[in-house]
Amino acid sequence: MAAPRAPEPVDEAVSGPPSREGYRALLTGSRDMRRDHAIARDAWFANLAVERKADLLFELEILLKGLACFVNPRNHPGPPRHTAIVAVDFKEPLRVARGAIARCSHIARTLLGEDERTFVFQRYLEHVIPEDTARSRFVRASATQETPEDSLAALRHAFVHLTDVIDALLRQERVSFRTFYSVLSLLQREVARNSFFNPIRALEFRPEFDRLKSPEVFALVQSVSGEEAHRLVALTLLSLFRVLRYISLIDAIARGGQPARALVVLAALRSDTRALTNHLRNHAGRLLGDGFERELFSMTARGLTGRYEAMLAEGHRLLGIKGALEGIAAKLRLELRRTFERELPPIDTVPTRHELEARMRGAIESLRPAVQGTILFLCRALGARLDVHFVFDDLAAKREVGERLRRDVWMFAQIVRGFAAKAQAARVPEKADRWESLESFRFVQEFLAYFRAMGYPLLRANDYPRFDQFIAAMASLEETDLLEPSRFETALRECEAFYGFLVELFEAIGKREELAGTPFDRKAAAEALRLYLGDVR
């Protein structure tokens, strides 16, 4: 075989300015791969003469990651189970996994090309070599992974053996969770040991799939000052664009007549999104604060005097980024709960393939504009006013995002109106004794949860003129024990003003060009609001 050419650059934008290493490190170093293996993989990919090679490799790796995530029932669709897991039959989930493994085997065969013949011959020799010593020596030799082709062949061996085992298990009347877990754990271990195709790590990226295609978005990421802030923003945007690619893959698989296989991709989507939201909720504030603290403590007293205003502005900027990232985390958690627990049926209750396909396409048609809107919100929170067409390739994105924004504005307007009505009732003199009751003020905590998940993005993304006053009022509700009527009255006035702004914004969005002739589905919005209220509680 001819020596491979030097790999072509996968993404010219990855290098960036020398001081902007966060984005580059995420793309090239988030997957734990030896440098020589990374170079060999890049060379193999550059020389791979297969149509749609990037799409096929992405599908293979996401199915591998999805199978590792699919072993966890938390990543299956459907409402939380109240049945003991030992009493649940996992025959249908195992059948779904079997279909995904078969697809992985087919993709690996395609990527191997001419080397597939070598694999078939090796399989033949495994069965005909009579001596155990010779067969063991042959198996050890075939298990070495010095090239990407070797790694693909190793995966092919694992797929074939596991498929045989699963086919035997599916002939049984019932499959226990222990059996289901054990079988997929064998695959997970095989993938974890693979030298060139191991995508199991959470929040890992590859330059073949994840580079930012929009020059405007890339420039925005590079412009974020502070290494911690830059890395957090890069991580969030790369993860959100990866989620959009998951959604496109799910849509393609479902439209191709295999919606059950898409459940494995959904497992990867849910796992990665959970990892992102947990990281933002638990670490964003600390990471941003640590970076600010290091810069502050590196200054002399005289230097701090000269930079007081600049450091004060930087602190406010970091607080804004922290609020935006935490708002994104709350929004994504809510969207994923709604998608998995409300819109998608449990695996073992779907009567037909067509019903699963319809439910799945409906779920992703709702999830896609939510994720796109989240990306636009983060860009706006960072000070960039990017048009939808500059951010996404999808021509229908502008209309879908507009429809989703209009629905969210209407929904949160109803939430604000409900909060104001309850607050008015709570301050009636004959009900003043309820101010002492924690139960009577539960609606305030519920409103704050709704605000974090939905209201904050609407404030930041739509230039609300009283943004600072509203945020201060909400912060005062979180800080107080609610026995201070003055804070409560201030929050109530700000909510009433915000409600008026939302009503005007709702009307203005409906007049946009992309929504011309598209009536507002109030009934569907009311149903979505009911589901949201149930999810937050």
Protein backbone atom coordinates (compact mmCIF):
# COMPACT_ATOMS: atom_id res chain seq x y z
CA MET A 1 0.00 0.00 0.00
CA ALA A 2 1.33 3.44 -0.90
CA ALA A 3 2.55 5.66 1.90
CA PRO A 4 -0.13 8.11 3.00
CA ARG A 5 0.17 11.74 2.07
CA ALA A 6 0.54 14.34 4.76
CA PRO A 7 -2.90 15.21 6.12
CA GLU A 8 -4.59 18.23 4.69
CA PRO A 9 -5.55 20.89 7.23
CA VAL A 10 -8.99 20.07 8.53
CA ASP A 11 -9.80 23.58 9.64
CA GLU A 12 -7.73 26.62 8.89
CA ALA A 13 -9.57 28.60 11.54
CA VAL A 14 -8.61 26.23 14.33
CA SER A 15 -5.15 27.69 14.79
CA GLY A 16 -6.38 31.17 15.65
CA PRO A 17 -4.26 33.79 17.38
CA PRO A 18 -1.58 32.40 19.73
CA SER A 19 -3.43 33.65 22.83
CA ARG A 20 -6.66 31.90 21.86
CA GLU A 21 -5.86 28.28 22.64
CA GLY A 22 -9.13 27.27 24.33
CA TYR A 23 -11.04 26.58 21.11
CA ARG A 24 -8.08 24.85 19.49
CA ALA A 25 -7.45 22.67 22.56
CA LEU A 26 -11.09 21.57 22.68
CA LEU A 27 -11.06 20.57 19.01
CA THR A 28 -7.74 18.75 19.00
CA GLY A 29 -7.14 17.68 22.59
CA SER A 30 -10.48 16.90 24.22
CA ARG A 31 -10.27 13.29 22.99
CA ASP A 32 -7.57 11.38 24.83
CA MET A 33 -5.53 10.20 21.83
CA ARG A 34 -1.78 9.85 21.47
CA ARG A 35 -0.20 12.40 19.17
CA ASP A 36 1.13 9.79 16.74
CA HIS A 37 -2.31 8.17 16.61
CA ALA A 38 -3.95 11.54 15.94
CA ILE A 39 -1.54 12.20 13.05
CA ALA A 40 -2.13 8.73 11.62
CA ARG A 41 -5.89 9.14 11.86
CA ASP A 42 -5.78 12.53 10.12
CA ALA A 43 -3.69 11.03 7.31
CA TRP A 44 -6.05 8.07 6.97
CA PHE A 45 -9.10 10.35 6.85
CA ALA A 46 -7.51 12.69 4.29
CA ASN A 47 -6.75 9.76 1.98
CA LEU A 48 -10.01 7.90 2.51
CA ALA A 49 -11.69 7.50 -0.89
CA VAL A 50 -15.26 7.03 0.31
CA GLU A 51 -18.27 9.19 -0.55
CA ARG A 52 -19.72 11.15 2.39
CA LYS A 53 -16.81 9.97 4.53
CA ALA A 54 -17.30 12.69 7.18
CA ASP A 55 -20.99 11.83 7.57
CA LEU A 56 -20.28 8.10 7.78
CA LEU A 57 -17.49 8.51 10.32
CA PHE A 58 -19.64 10.85 12.41
CA GLU A 59 -22.53 8.37 12.38
CA LEU A 60 -20.22 5.52 13.37
CA GLU A 61 -18.69 7.40 16.28
CA ILE A 62 -22.00 8.74 17.56
CA LEU A 63 -23.58 5.29 17.41
CA LEU A 64 -20.60 3.95 19.38
CA LYS A 65 -21.00 6.70 21.96
CA GLY A 66 -24.77 6.22 21.95
CA LEU A 67 -24.45 2.49 22.64
CA ALA A 68 -22.23 3.27 25.63
CA CYS A 69 -24.86 5.75 26.86
CA PHE A 70 -27.79 3.48 25.98
CA VAL A 71 -26.70 1.00 28.65
CA ASN A 72 -27.95 3.57 31.20
CA PRO A 73 -31.79 3.52 31.42
CA ARG A 74 -31.70 7.22 32.37
CA ASN A 75 -30.94 7.89 28.72
CA HIS A 76 -34.01 6.03 27.47
CA PRO A 77 -37.14 8.01 26.53
CA GLY A 78 -40.33 7.96 28.55
CA PRO A 79 -41.39 9.24 31.98
CA PRO A 80 -39.45 8.06 35.06
CA ARG A 81 -40.27 4.48 35.96
CA HIS A 82 -41.71 3.57 39.33
CA THR A 83 -41.08 -0.13 38.76
CA ALA A 84 -37.99 -1.83 40.18
CA ILE A 85 -35.43 -2.23 37.43
CA VAL A 86 -35.14 -5.97 38.10
CA ALA A 87 -38.79 -6.32 37.07
CA VAL A 88 -38.35 -4.58 33.70
CA ASP A 89 -37.92 -6.57 30.50
CA PHE A 90 -35.02 -5.17 28.42
CA LYS A 91 -35.68 -7.27 25.35
CA GLU A 92 -36.80 -4.31 23.22
CA PRO A 93 -33.85 -2.09 24.26
CA LEU A 94 -31.53 -4.98 23.39
CA ARG A 95 -33.21 -5.29 20.00
CA VAL A 96 -32.64 -1.56 19.44
CA ALA A 97 -28.97 -1.96 20.38
CA ARG A 98 -28.65 -4.88 17.99
CA GLY A 99 -29.86 -2.71 15.11
CA ALA A 100 -27.36 0.01 15.99
CA ILE A 101 -24.51 -2.52 16.17
CA ALA A 102 -25.47 -3.89 12.75
CA ARG A 103 -25.33 -0.36 11.32
CA CYS A 104 -21.92 0.23 12.93
CA SER A 105 -20.69 -2.99 11.34
CA HIS A 106 -21.93 -1.87 7.93
CA ILE A 107 -20.24 1.54 8.23
CA ALA A 108 -16.98 -0.04 9.38
CA ARG A 109 -17.11 -2.38 6.38
CA THR A 110 -17.60 0.61 4.07
CA LEU A 111 -14.71 2.55 5.62
CA LEU A 112 -12.40 -0.46 5.43
CA GLY A 113 -12.85 -0.67 1.66
CA GLU A 114 -10.39 -3.18 0.20
CA ASP A 115 -9.21 -4.11 3.70
CA GLU A 116 -12.61 -5.71 4.28
CA ARG A 117 -11.38 -8.72 2.28
CA THR A 118 -8.55 -9.17 4.77
CA PHE A 119 -11.07 -9.14 7.60
CA VAL A 120 -13.21 -11.81 5.93
CA PHE A 121 -10.16 -14.01 5.40
CA GLN A 122 -9.12 -13.59 9.04
CA ARG A 123 -12.60 -14.61 10.15
CA TYR A 124 -12.31 -17.72 8.01
CA LEU A 125 -8.90 -18.63 9.47
CA GLU A 126 -10.20 -18.24 13.03
CA HIS A 127 -12.66 -21.06 12.38
CA VAL A 128 -10.41 -23.46 10.45
CA ILE A 129 -7.08 -23.33 12.35
CA PRO A 130 -7.14 -26.54 14.39
CA GLU A 131 -4.35 -25.87 16.90
CA ASP A 132 -5.21 -23.71 19.94
CA THR A 133 -1.69 -22.29 20.15
CA ALA A 134 -1.66 -21.25 16.51
CA ARG A 135 -5.15 -19.78 16.75
CA SER A 136 -4.25 -17.79 19.89
CA ARG A 137 -1.14 -16.44 18.20
CA PHE A 138 -3.23 -15.45 15.17
CA VAL A 139 -5.86 -13.72 17.33
CA ARG A 140 -3.18 -11.74 19.19
CA ALA A 141 -1.63 -10.64 15.92
CA SER A 142 -4.98 -9.55 14.50
CA ALA A 143 -5.80 -7.61 17.69
CA THR A 144 -2.93 -5.14 17.33
CA GLN A 145 -4.07 -1.62 16.47
CA GLU A 146 -1.17 0.15 14.82
CA THR A 147 -3.30 1.81 12.12
CA PRO A 148 -6.88 3.09 11.83
CA GLU A 149 -7.61 0.13 9.57
CA ASP A 150 -6.51 -2.22 12.36
CA SER A 151 -8.84 -0.43 14.79
CA LEU A 152 -11.78 -0.68 12.40
CA ALA A 153 -11.09 -4.38 11.91
CA ALA A 154 -11.01 -4.86 15.69
CA LEU A 155 -14.40 -3.18 15.94
CA ARG A 156 -15.71 -5.40 13.15
CA HIS A 157 -14.64 -8.50 15.09
CA ALA A 158 -16.42 -7.23 18.21
CA PHE A 159 -19.58 -6.38 16.25
CA VAL A 160 -19.77 -9.84 14.69
CA HIS A 161 -19.32 -11.69 17.97
CA LEU A 162 -21.75 -9.47 19.88
CA THR A 163 -24.38 -9.77 17.16
CA ASP A 164 -24.23 -13.55 17.45
CA VAL A 165 -24.67 -13.35 21.23
CA ILE A 166 -27.53 -10.84 21.03
CA ASP A 167 -29.37 -12.89 18.41
CA ALA A 168 -29.29 -15.84 20.79
CA LEU A 169 -30.52 -13.72 23.71
CA LEU A 170 -33.39 -12.26 21.67
CA ARG A 171 -34.76 -15.75 21.21
CA GLN A 172 -35.34 -15.88 24.95
CA GLU A 173 -38.70 -14.90 26.39
CA ARG A 174 -37.23 -12.16 28.58
CA VAL A 175 -33.98 -10.20 28.95
CA SER A 176 -33.04 -8.94 32.40
CA PHE A 177 -31.32 -5.62 33.02
CA ARG A 178 -28.23 -7.46 34.24
CA THR A 179 -27.94 -9.31 30.93
CA PHE A 180 -28.64 -6.15 28.90
CA TYR A 181 -26.03 -4.22 30.89
CA SER A 182 -23.42 -6.98 30.61
CA VAL A 183 -23.72 -7.31 26.83
CA LEU A 184 -23.45 -3.58 26.13
CA SER A 185 -20.66 -3.23 28.69
CA LEU A 186 -18.62 -5.66 26.60
CA LEU A 187 -19.04 -3.35 23.62
CA GLN A 188 -18.27 -0.30 25.73
CA ARG A 189 -15.03 -1.90 26.93
CA GLU A 190 -14.06 -2.78 23.35
CA VAL A 191 -14.62 0.81 22.23
CA ALA A 192 -12.77 2.22 25.25
CA ARG A 193 -9.73 0.11 24.30
CA ASN A 194 -9.81 1.19 20.67
CA SER A 195 -6.81 3.29 19.71
CA PHE A 196 -8.35 5.35 16.91
CA PHE A 197 -12.14 5.29 17.33
CA ASN A 198 -13.02 5.93 20.96
CA PRO A 199 -15.64 8.70 21.27
CA ILE A 200 -16.98 7.66 24.69
CA ARG A 201 -15.59 10.61 26.64
CA ALA A 202 -18.18 13.29 27.48
CA LEU A 203 -17.85 16.73 25.86
CA GLU A 204 -15.19 15.61 23.38
CA PHE A 205 -14.84 17.11 19.92
CA ARG A 206 -13.18 16.30 16.63
CA PRO A 207 -12.01 18.76 13.96
CA GLU A 208 -13.58 16.55 11.26
CA PHE A 209 -17.06 17.25 12.62
CA ASP A 210 -17.11 20.13 15.10
CA ARG A 211 -15.27 23.10 13.65
CA LEU A 212 -17.32 26.30 13.69
CA LYS A 213 -18.37 26.91 10.09
CA SER A 214 -19.62 30.46 10.60
CA PRO A 215 -16.76 33.00 10.44
CA GLU A 216 -18.88 35.39 12.50
CA VAL A 217 -19.38 32.88 15.32
CA PHE A 218 -15.71 31.87 15.23
CA ALA A 219 -14.63 35.52 15.46
CA LEU A 220 -17.02 36.01 18.38
CA VAL A 221 -15.50 33.07 20.28
CA GLN A 222 -11.99 34.36 19.64
CA SER A 223 -12.96 37.83 20.87
CA VAL A 224 -14.01 36.70 24.36
CA SER A 225 -11.38 38.05 26.75
CA GLY A 226 -10.08 35.97 29.64
CA GLU A 227 -8.96 32.38 29.10
CA GLU A 228 -11.58 30.84 31.41
CA ALA A 229 -14.41 32.81 29.81
CA HIS A 230 -13.07 32.02 26.32
CA ARG A 231 -12.88 28.29 27.05
CA LEU A 232 -16.35 28.18 28.64
CA VAL A 233 -17.92 30.01 25.70
CA ALA A 234 -16.08 27.80 23.19
CA LEU A 235 -17.12 24.65 25.06
CA THR A 236 -20.75 25.76 25.17
CA LEU A 237 -20.97 26.73 21.50
CA LEU A 238 -19.16 23.61 20.30
CA SER A 239 -21.49 21.47 22.43
CA LEU A 240 -24.62 23.23 21.16
CA PHE A 241 -23.58 22.87 17.53
CA ARG A 242 -22.79 19.20 18.23
CA VAL A 243 -26.34 18.80 19.60
CA LEU A 244 -27.70 20.29 16.36
CA ARG A 245 -25.69 17.73 14.42
CA TYR A 246 -27.12 14.98 16.63
CA ILE A 247 -30.59 16.26 15.80
CA SER A 248 -29.85 16.23 12.05
CA LEU A 249 -28.58 12.65 12.31
CA ILE A 250 -31.67 11.59 14.27
CA ASP A 251 -33.88 13.20 11.62
CA ALA A 252 -32.02 11.44 8.79
CA ILE A 253 -32.20 8.04 10.49
CA ALA A 254 -35.90 8.43 11.31
CA ARG A 255 -36.73 9.55 7.76
CA GLY A 256 -34.76 6.57 6.47
CA GLY A 257 -37.23 4.21 8.09
CA GLN A 258 -35.15 3.23 11.14
CA PRO A 259 -36.52 5.36 14.01
CA ALA A 260 -35.61 2.72 16.62
CA ARG A 261 -31.93 3.10 15.73
CA ALA A 262 -32.22 6.84 16.32
CA LEU A 263 -32.97 6.09 19.99
CA VAL A 264 -29.27 5.25 20.37
CA VAL A 265 -28.28 8.68 19.03
CA LEU A 266 -30.81 10.25 21.38
CA ALA A 267 -29.05 8.52 24.27
CA ALA A 268 -25.77 10.20 23.27
CA LEU A 269 -27.56 13.54 22.90
CA ARG A 270 -29.08 13.31 26.36
CA SER A 271 -25.83 12.22 28.00
CA ASP A 272 -23.75 14.98 26.39
CA THR A 273 -26.35 17.64 27.12
CA ARG A 274 -26.56 16.52 30.74
CA ALA A 275 -22.77 16.72 31.01
CA LEU A 276 -22.81 20.27 29.57
CA THR A 277 -25.59 21.54 31.83
CA ASN A 278 -23.97 20.03 34.93
CA HIS A 279 -20.65 21.62 34.00
CA LEU A 280 -22.20 25.05 33.48
CA ARG A 281 -24.32 24.89 36.63
CA ASN A 282 -21.56 23.61 38.90
CA HIS A 283 -18.39 25.15 37.51
CA ALA A 284 -19.08 28.23 35.35
CA GLY A 285 -19.23 30.68 38.25
CA ARG A 286 -16.18 29.22 39.99
CA LEU A 287 -14.05 29.14 36.84
CA LEU A 288 -14.92 32.70 35.87
CA GLY A 289 -14.38 33.88 39.45
CA ASP A 290 -11.01 32.14 39.75
CA GLY A 291 -9.75 33.79 36.59
CA PHE A 292 -10.89 37.22 37.75
CA GLU A 293 -9.33 36.63 41.18
CA ARG A 294 -5.96 35.69 39.69
CA GLU A 295 -5.91 38.81 37.56
CA LEU A 296 -6.95 40.98 40.49
CA PHE A 297 -4.37 39.60 42.91
CA SER A 298 -1.60 39.96 40.33
CA MET A 299 -1.96 43.77 40.50
CA THR A 300 -0.21 46.11 42.84
CA ALA A 301 -2.26 48.55 44.89
CA ARG A 302 -1.12 51.39 42.63
CA GLY A 303 -1.96 49.41 39.52
CA LEU A 304 -5.40 48.58 40.86
CA THR A 305 -6.12 52.25 41.46
CA GLY A 306 -5.44 53.00 37.82
CA ARG A 307 -7.52 50.07 36.57
CA TYR A 308 -10.41 50.25 39.01
CA GLU A 309 -13.06 51.18 36.45
CA ALA A 310 -11.80 48.61 33.94
CA MET A 311 -11.82 45.83 36.55
CA LEU A 312 -15.29 46.84 37.70
CA ALA A 313 -16.55 46.63 34.12
CA GLU A 314 -14.80 43.27 33.69
CA GLY A 315 -16.53 41.95 36.81
CA HIS A 316 -19.92 42.98 35.45
CA ARG A 317 -19.08 41.40 32.09
CA LEU A 318 -18.19 38.10 33.74
CA LEU A 319 -21.38 38.21 35.79
CA GLY A 320 -23.30 38.62 32.55
CA ILE A 321 -21.53 35.62 30.99
CA LYS A 322 -22.17 33.57 34.13
CA GLY A 323 -25.87 34.44 34.04
CA ALA A 324 -26.10 33.59 30.35
CA LEU A 325 -24.38 30.21 30.76
CA GLU A 326 -26.48 29.27 33.78
CA GLY A 327 -29.62 30.35 31.91
CA ILE A 328 -28.59 28.12 29.01
CA ALA A 329 -28.12 25.21 31.41
CA ALA A 330 -31.59 25.69 32.90
CA LYS A 331 -33.16 26.03 29.45
CA LEU A 332 -31.51 22.88 28.11
CA ARG A 333 -32.45 20.82 31.16
CA LEU A 334 -36.07 21.85 30.72
CA GLU A 335 -36.06 21.15 26.98
CA LEU A 336 -34.50 17.70 27.40
CA ARG A 337 -36.93 16.72 30.15
CA ARG A 338 -39.85 17.75 27.98
CA THR A 339 -38.49 15.92 24.94
CA PHE A 340 -37.64 12.66 26.68
CA GLU A 341 -40.37 12.47 29.32
CA ARG A 342 -43.30 14.04 27.47
CA GLU A 343 -42.88 13.81 23.71
CA LEU A 344 -41.07 10.49 23.21
CA PRO A 345 -42.73 7.21 24.23
CA PRO A 346 -41.01 4.48 26.28
CA ILE A 347 -39.19 1.95 24.12
CA ASP A 348 -41.40 -0.96 25.12
CA THR A 349 -44.75 0.80 24.50
CA VAL A 350 -44.43 1.84 20.84
CA PRO A 351 -46.95 -0.17 18.78
CA THR A 352 -45.65 0.62 15.29
CA ARG A 353 -42.57 1.94 13.53
CA HIS A 354 -44.62 4.71 11.89
CA GLU A 355 -45.87 6.00 15.25
CA LEU A 356 -42.34 6.11 16.66
CA GLU A 357 -41.14 7.95 13.55
CA ALA A 358 -43.95 10.51 13.86
CA ARG A 359 -43.33 11.07 17.58
CA MET A 360 -39.58 11.35 17.06
CA ARG A 361 -39.83 13.82 14.20
CA GLY A 362 -42.28 15.91 16.20
CA ALA A 363 -39.91 15.96 19.16
CA ILE A 364 -36.86 17.03 17.17
CA GLU A 365 -38.84 19.64 15.23
CA SER A 366 -39.53 21.23 18.60
CA LEU A 367 -36.04 20.70 20.01
CA ARG A 368 -34.07 22.04 17.02
CA PRO A 369 -35.32 25.68 17.14
CA ALA A 370 -34.91 25.65 20.92
CA VAL A 371 -31.21 24.81 20.58
CA GLN A 372 -30.79 27.28 17.70
CA GLY A 373 -32.42 29.98 19.80
CA THR A 374 -30.06 29.17 22.67
CA ILE A 375 -27.05 29.67 20.38
CA LEU A 376 -28.39 33.01 19.18
CA PHE A 377 -29.05 34.04 22.78
CA LEU A 378 -25.46 33.32 23.79
CA CYS A 379 -24.16 35.28 20.80
CA ARG A 380 -26.41 38.20 21.76
CA ALA A 381 -25.32 37.97 25.40
CA LEU A 382 -21.71 38.31 24.21
CA GLY A 383 -22.59 41.49 22.34
CA ALA A 384 -22.98 40.16 18.79
CA ARG A 385 -26.13 40.72 16.73
CA LEU A 386 -25.87 37.87 14.25
CA ASP A 387 -28.57 37.07 11.73
CA VAL A 388 -29.79 33.48 11.71
CA HIS A 389 -28.37 32.93 8.20
CA PHE A 390 -24.87 33.80 9.41
CA VAL A 391 -25.05 31.15 12.13
CA PHE A 392 -26.90 28.18 10.61
CA ASP A 393 -26.86 26.51 7.21
CA ASP A 394 -30.54 25.57 7.49
CA LEU A 395 -32.63 27.88 5.30
CA ALA A 396 -35.74 27.22 7.38
CA ALA A 397 -33.98 28.13 10.63
CA LYS A 398 -35.08 31.78 10.61
CA ARG A 399 -38.77 30.90 10.44
CA GLU A 400 -38.46 28.06 12.98
CA VAL A 401 -36.52 30.22 15.44
CA GLY A 402 -39.02 33.05 14.95
CA GLU A 403 -41.97 30.76 15.63
CA ARG A 404 -40.29 29.37 18.72
CA LEU A 405 -39.39 32.83 20.01
CA ARG A 406 -42.97 34.01 19.53
CA ARG A 407 -44.28 31.00 21.45
CA ASP A 408 -41.76 31.45 24.28
CA VAL A 409 -42.62 35.14 24.59
CA TRP A 410 -46.33 34.33 24.83
CA MET A 411 -45.69 31.54 27.35
CA PHE A 412 -43.54 33.62 29.66
CA ALA A 413 -45.98 36.52 29.42
CA GLN A 414 -48.65 34.19 30.84
CA ILE A 415 -46.26 33.10 33.60
CA VAL A 416 -45.49 36.72 34.51
CA ARG A 417 -49.20 37.59 34.49
CA GLY A 418 -49.94 34.61 36.76
CA PHE A 419 -47.17 35.60 39.14
CA ALA A 420 -48.47 39.17 39.32
CA ALA A 421 -52.00 37.95 40.04
CA LYS A 422 -50.81 35.68 42.87
CA ALA A 423 -48.63 38.45 44.26
CA GLN A 424 -51.58 40.86 44.25
CA ALA A 425 -53.66 38.29 46.13
CA ALA A 426 -50.87 37.66 48.64
CA ARG A 427 -50.79 41.28 49.74
CA VAL A 428 -54.54 41.60 50.38
CA PRO A 429 -54.88 42.74 54.05
CA GLU A 430 -57.11 39.87 55.19
CA LYS A 431 -54.52 37.41 53.82
CA ALA A 432 -51.54 39.11 55.40
CA ASP A 433 -51.01 36.20 57.77
CA ARG A 434 -49.96 34.09 54.78
CA TRP A 435 -46.81 36.14 54.46
CA GLU A 436 -45.48 34.09 57.37
CA SER A 437 -46.09 30.79 55.56
CA LEU A 438 -43.46 29.17 53.39
CA GLU A 439 -46.23 27.35 51.53
CA SER A 440 -47.93 30.61 50.58
CA PHE A 441 -44.74 31.81 48.88
CA ARG A 442 -43.93 28.68 46.96
CA PHE A 443 -45.21 30.43 43.83
CA VAL A 444 -42.31 32.88 44.14
CA GLN A 445 -39.74 30.08 44.04
CA GLU A 446 -41.57 28.52 41.11
CA PHE A 447 -41.52 31.84 39.26
CA LEU A 448 -37.77 32.17 39.84
CA ALA A 449 -37.27 28.69 38.36
CA TYR A 450 -39.33 29.67 35.29
CA PHE A 451 -37.35 32.89 35.00
CA ARG A 452 -33.98 31.12 35.01
CA ALA A 453 -35.12 28.67 32.33
CA MET A 454 -37.07 31.00 30.05
CA GLY A 455 -37.22 34.61 31.22
CA TYR A 456 -33.51 35.39 31.42
CA PRO A 457 -32.83 34.53 27.75
CA LEU A 458 -35.79 36.68 26.70
CA LEU A 459 -34.45 39.61 28.72
CA ARG A 460 -30.93 39.42 27.30
CA ALA A 461 -31.78 38.53 23.72
CA ASN A 462 -34.41 41.22 23.13
CA ASP A 463 -32.82 44.35 24.58
CA TYR A 464 -35.24 44.89 27.44
CA PRO A 465 -34.54 48.50 28.54
CA ARG A 466 -35.05 47.74 32.26
CA PHE A 467 -32.80 44.69 32.23
CA ASP A 468 -30.61 45.71 35.18
CA GLN A 469 -33.58 46.72 37.34
CA PHE A 470 -35.42 43.48 36.64
CA ILE A 471 -32.35 41.35 37.41
CA ALA A 472 -31.81 43.24 40.67
CA ALA A 473 -35.44 42.67 41.65
CA MET A 474 -35.18 38.93 40.95
CA ALA A 475 -31.91 38.71 42.88
CA SER A 476 -33.55 40.39 45.86
CA LEU A 477 -36.25 37.72 45.91
CA GLU A 478 -33.59 35.01 46.02
CA GLU A 479 -31.63 36.72 48.77
CA THR A 480 -34.47 37.61 51.14
CA ASP A 481 -36.72 35.52 53.38
CA LEU A 482 -39.72 37.24 51.72
CA LEU A 483 -40.68 39.05 54.94
CA GLU A 484 -39.66 42.40 53.45
CA PRO A 485 -42.70 43.84 51.62
CA SER A 486 -40.61 46.56 49.94
CA ARG A 487 -38.56 44.05 47.97
CA PHE A 488 -41.66 42.13 47.04
CA GLU A 489 -43.40 45.32 45.84
CA THR A 490 -40.37 46.26 43.73
CA ALA A 491 -40.30 42.83 42.10
CA LEU A 492 -44.03 43.06 41.41
CA ARG A 493 -43.67 46.45 39.69
CA GLU A 494 -40.80 45.16 37.55
CA CYS A 495 -42.84 42.10 36.55
CA GLU A 496 -45.79 44.25 35.52
CA ALA A 497 -43.48 46.41 33.38
CA PHE A 498 -41.89 43.31 31.86
CA TYR A 499 -45.31 41.87 31.05
CA GLY A 500 -46.14 44.99 29.03
CA PHE A 501 -42.84 44.65 27.17
CA LEU A 502 -43.55 40.98 26.38
CA VAL A 503 -47.00 41.79 25.00
CA GLU A 504 -45.52 44.40 22.65
CA LEU A 505 -42.68 42.04 21.69
CA PHE A 506 -45.17 39.27 20.88
CA GLU A 507 -47.02 41.56 18.48
CA ALA A 508 -43.78 42.78 16.89
CA ILE A 509 -42.46 39.24 16.28
CA GLY A 510 -45.70 38.29 14.54
CA LYS A 511 -45.14 41.10 12.03
CA ARG A 512 -41.69 39.91 10.97
CA GLU A 513 -41.21 38.94 7.33
CA GLU A 514 -40.34 35.30 8.09
CA LEU A 515 -43.64 34.84 9.97
CA ALA A 516 -45.85 36.58 7.41
CA GLY A 517 -48.92 34.46 6.84
CA THR A 518 -48.09 32.13 9.75
CA PRO A 519 -50.87 32.34 12.35
CA PHE A 520 -50.04 31.86 16.02
CA ASP A 521 -51.24 28.49 17.31
CA ARG A 522 -52.52 29.57 20.71
CA LYS A 523 -53.90 26.13 21.54
CA ALA A 524 -50.55 24.42 20.91
CA ALA A 525 -48.76 27.14 22.88
CA ALA A 526 -51.13 26.66 25.82
CA GLU A 527 -50.48 22.91 25.76
CA ALA A 528 -46.72 23.54 25.66
CA LEU A 529 -47.07 25.93 28.59
CA ARG A 530 -48.92 23.28 30.58
CA LEU A 531 -46.11 20.80 29.95
CA TYR A 532 -43.46 23.36 30.90
CA LEU A 533 -45.18 24.18 34.17
CA GLY A 534 -45.35 20.50 35.04
CA ASP A 535 -41.69 19.95 34.14
CA VAL A 536 -40.35 22.78 36.30
CA ARG A 537 -42.35 21.66 39.28
